């Protein structure tokens, strides 16, 4: 379960996602100046300790859908300088250290767990200014694992999504997702 606060963020999530994506090889041929990133949806994984926010953003530039996993921590992650994306001020939680998901061991562990156990992404709930949990947020992406390929190892995240190519039955463990306006499952990650 993930709690989503009614908070002000500086810089905003889309700004952080845009700055990071613009530096990635897989986004090199996108013209983000002509087609700025727009938020489509997001999904989250649970941190069993409740300390780290694990959020995966699905954004678009023109007709290209992209997936950007990030983690939000209350203090720097030791040994993860290369994965550091930005600092963010959260009006409720204070200063946050933002990391690229694949560079954060907790993200990788939760991604592996979700695929291997055929689990689903975390349910998300709105939290008011007094800290009370309210309604479930339903306009987020639904992501779910399909179970592992026996003897599988690493998981690869799919940064450039292909929603026009629905997920076919596969021998690999997959993370699949769909969201409002996307009625067929899209491959989000592959256990290889």
Protein backbone atom coordinates (compact mmCIF):
# COMPACT_ATOMS: atom_id res chain seq x y z
CA UNK A 1 0.00 0.00 0.00
CA UNK A 2 1.30 3.48 -0.87
CA UNK A 3 0.20 6.72 0.77
CA UNK A 4 0.01 9.73 -1.54
CA UNK A 5 0.15 13.06 0.28
CA UNK A 6 -1.52 16.27 -0.80
CA UNK A 7 1.86 17.99 -0.99
CA UNK A 8 3.77 20.62 -2.90
CA UNK A 9 6.95 19.38 -4.62
CA UNK A 10 9.88 21.46 -5.75
CA UNK A 11 10.94 20.61 -8.37
CA UNK A 12 7.84 18.76 -9.59
CA UNK A 13 7.91 15.09 -10.54
CA UNK A 14 7.48 15.75 -14.27
CA UNK A 15 10.42 18.18 -14.19
CA UNK A 16 12.62 15.55 -12.54
CA UNK A 17 11.48 12.85 -14.97
CA UNK A 18 12.11 15.15 -17.97
CA UNK A 19 15.60 16.17 -16.83
CA UNK A 20 16.63 12.56 -16.23
CA UNK A 21 15.06 11.11 -19.39
CA UNK A 22 16.72 13.76 -21.58
CA UNK A 23 20.15 12.37 -20.55
CA UNK A 24 19.38 8.71 -21.38
CA UNK A 25 20.58 6.94 -24.53
CA UNK A 26 17.15 5.34 -25.09
CA UNK A 27 15.60 8.84 -25.39
CA UNK A 28 18.34 10.35 -27.56
CA UNK A 29 16.32 10.61 -30.78
CA UNK A 30 13.27 12.12 -29.04
CA UNK A 31 12.88 15.87 -29.44
CA UNK A 32 11.74 16.74 -25.93
CA UNK A 33 11.84 20.47 -26.74
CA UNK A 34 9.32 20.05 -29.56
CA UNK A 35 7.35 17.30 -27.76
CA UNK A 36 7.71 17.90 -24.01
CA UNK A 37 6.93 14.99 -21.73
CA UNK A 38 3.34 14.72 -20.53
CA UNK A 39 2.24 12.60 -17.57
CA UNK A 40 0.02 9.65 -18.55
CA UNK A 41 -0.18 7.61 -15.33
CA UNK A 42 1.99 5.98 -12.67
CA UNK A 43 2.15 2.89 -10.50
CA UNK A 44 4.01 2.05 -7.30
CA UNK A 45 5.58 -0.84 -5.45
CA UNK A 46 5.44 -1.31 -1.68
CA UNK A 47 8.47 -0.74 0.51
CA UNK A 48 7.90 -3.21 3.38
CA UNK A 49 9.47 -0.70 5.81
CA UNK A 50 7.36 2.20 4.54
CA UNK A 51 10.45 4.43 4.26
CA UNK A 52 11.07 4.64 0.51
CA UNK A 53 8.66 5.81 -2.17
CA UNK A 54 8.88 3.58 -5.26
CA UNK A 55 7.05 5.14 -8.19
CA UNK A 56 7.12 4.35 -11.87
CA UNK A 57 6.00 7.13 -14.20
CA UNK A 58 4.48 6.51 -17.60
CA UNK A 59 4.85 9.61 -19.73
CA UNK A 60 4.60 10.46 -23.41
CA UNK A 61 6.51 12.59 -25.89
CA UNK A 62 4.37 12.97 -29.00
CA UNK A 63 3.14 9.43 -29.67
CA UNK A 64 6.04 7.68 -27.88
CA UNK A 65 5.27 6.28 -24.41
CA UNK A 66 8.12 6.09 -21.93
CA UNK A 67 8.47 4.48 -18.52
CA UNK A 68 10.65 6.08 -15.81
CA UNK A 69 11.08 4.33 -12.45
CA UNK A 70 12.19 6.50 -9.52
CA UNK A 71 12.70 6.04 -5.79
CA UNK A 72 12.28 8.77 -3.18
CA UNK A 73 14.35 8.53 -0.02
CA UNK A 74 14.61 10.59 3.15
CA UNK A 75 18.42 10.43 3.10
CA UNK A 76 21.16 9.71 0.57
CA UNK A 77 21.57 6.09 -0.56
CA UNK A 78 25.15 5.06 0.13
CA UNK A 79 27.04 3.85 -2.95
CA UNK A 80 24.38 5.05 -5.41
CA UNK A 81 25.92 8.30 -6.65
CA UNK A 82 25.56 7.22 -10.30
CA UNK A 83 21.84 6.60 -9.81
CA UNK A 84 21.20 9.95 -8.09
CA UNK A 85 18.71 12.04 -10.11
CA UNK A 86 17.82 15.10 -8.01
CA UNK A 87 16.85 16.50 -4.65
CA UNK A 88 13.23 17.41 -4.17
CA UNK A 89 11.51 19.39 -1.42
CA UNK A 90 8.29 17.69 -0.27
CA UNK A 91 6.03 19.98 1.77
CA UNK A 92 5.05 17.13 4.13
CA UNK A 93 8.08 14.80 4.17
CA UNK A 94 10.86 17.38 3.73
CA UNK A 95 13.96 16.93 1.61
CA UNK A 96 13.92 13.84 -0.62
CA UNK A 97 16.75 12.19 -2.54
CA UNK A 98 15.51 10.90 -5.88
CA UNK A 99 17.21 7.92 -7.56
CA UNK A 100 16.82 6.16 -10.91
CA UNK A 101 14.93 2.99 -10.08
CA UNK A 102 17.30 0.51 -11.69
CA UNK A 103 20.17 2.00 -9.66
CA UNK A 104 18.36 1.50 -6.35
CA UNK A 105 18.63 -2.04 -4.91
CA UNK A 106 15.23 -1.72 -3.21
CA UNK A 107 13.49 -0.96 -6.52
CA UNK A 108 15.17 -3.92 -8.17
CA UNK A 109 14.21 -6.20 -5.27
CA UNK A 110 10.55 -5.09 -5.35
CA UNK A 111 10.40 -5.42 -9.15
CA UNK A 112 11.88 -8.94 -8.96
CA UNK A 113 9.46 -9.85 -6.17
CA UNK A 114 6.42 -8.58 -8.08
CA UNK A 115 7.31 -10.59 -11.18
CA UNK A 116 8.44 -13.76 -9.36
CA UNK A 117 5.38 -13.95 -7.11
CA UNK A 118 2.89 -12.79 -9.76
CA UNK A 119 1.98 -9.91 -7.42
CA UNK A 120 0.45 -6.58 -8.31
CA UNK A 121 1.59 -3.01 -7.92
CA UNK A 122 0.76 -1.32 -4.62
CA UNK A 123 -2.69 0.11 -4.01
CA UNK A 124 -2.45 3.88 -3.60
CA UNK A 125 -4.41 5.99 -1.11
CA UNK A 126 -4.79 9.74 -0.70
CA UNK A 127 -3.60 11.11 2.64
CA UNK A 128 -4.96 14.45 3.89
CA UNK A 129 -3.07 17.25 5.65
CA UNK A 130 -3.76 15.63 9.05
CA UNK A 131 -2.26 12.30 7.92
CA UNK A 132 -5.57 10.45 7.57
CA UNK A 133 -5.75 7.84 4.82
CA UNK A 134 -8.72 8.36 2.52
CA UNK A 135 -9.99 6.94 -0.73
CA UNK A 136 -8.06 4.57 -2.98
CA UNK A 137 -6.66 6.23 -6.09
CA UNK A 138 -8.06 4.35 -9.06
CA UNK A 139 -6.74 6.35 -12.03
CA UNK A 140 -3.28 4.76 -11.82
CA UNK A 141 -1.80 2.02 -13.96
CA UNK A 142 -2.44 -1.57 -12.95
CA UNK A 143 0.80 -3.57 -13.06
CA UNK A 144 1.16 -7.27 -12.30
CA UNK A 145 3.78 -9.98 -12.54
CA UNK A 146 3.33 -13.25 -14.43
CA UNK A 147 5.71 -15.42 -12.42
CA UNK A 148 9.36 -16.23 -13.19
CA UNK A 149 11.03 -18.23 -15.89
CA UNK A 150 12.71 -21.16 -14.09
CA UNK A 151 16.36 -20.29 -13.58
CA UNK A 152 15.81 -16.67 -14.59
CA UNK A 153 18.22 -13.98 -13.51
CA UNK A 154 18.15 -10.28 -14.22
CA UNK A 155 15.15 -8.11 -14.89
CA UNK A 156 15.20 -5.54 -17.69
CA UNK A 157 12.89 -2.55 -17.49
CA UNK A 158 11.29 -1.44 -20.77
CA UNK A 159 11.85 2.31 -21.01
CA UNK A 160 10.21 2.81 -24.43
CA UNK A 161 6.81 1.16 -24.29
CA UNK A 162 5.02 -0.43 -27.25
CA UNK A 163 1.30 -0.30 -26.44
CA UNK A 164 0.34 -1.14 -30.02
CA UNK A 165 2.06 -4.53 -29.57
CA UNK A 166 0.03 -6.22 -26.84
CA UNK A 167 1.84 -8.70 -24.62
CA UNK A 168 1.83 -12.21 -26.01
CA UNK A 169 2.12 -15.38 -23.97
CA UNK A 170 5.77 -15.69 -22.99
CA UNK A 171 8.08 -18.18 -21.34
CA UNK A 172 9.78 -15.27 -19.55
CA UNK A 173 8.58 -13.74 -16.31
CA UNK A 174 6.96 -10.42 -17.17
CA UNK A 175 5.63 -7.31 -15.52
CA UNK A 176 2.55 -6.27 -17.47
CA UNK A 177 0.46 -3.14 -17.18
CA UNK A 178 -2.59 -1.35 -18.45
CA UNK A 179 -4.22 1.96 -17.67
CA UNK A 180 -7.14 4.11 -18.66
CA UNK A 181 -7.17 4.28 -22.45
CA UNK A 182 -4.86 1.23 -22.72
CA UNK A 183 -7.09 -1.82 -22.70
CA UNK A 184 -4.51 -4.47 -23.61
CA UNK A 185 -1.55 -5.46 -21.46
CA UNK A 186 1.78 -3.78 -22.21
CA UNK A 187 5.15 -5.33 -21.28
CA UNK A 188 6.77 -3.14 -18.62
CA UNK A 189 9.68 -5.41 -17.57
CA UNK A 190 11.12 -8.79 -18.55
CA UNK A 191 12.88 -11.33 -16.32
CA UNK A 192 15.68 -12.82 -18.44
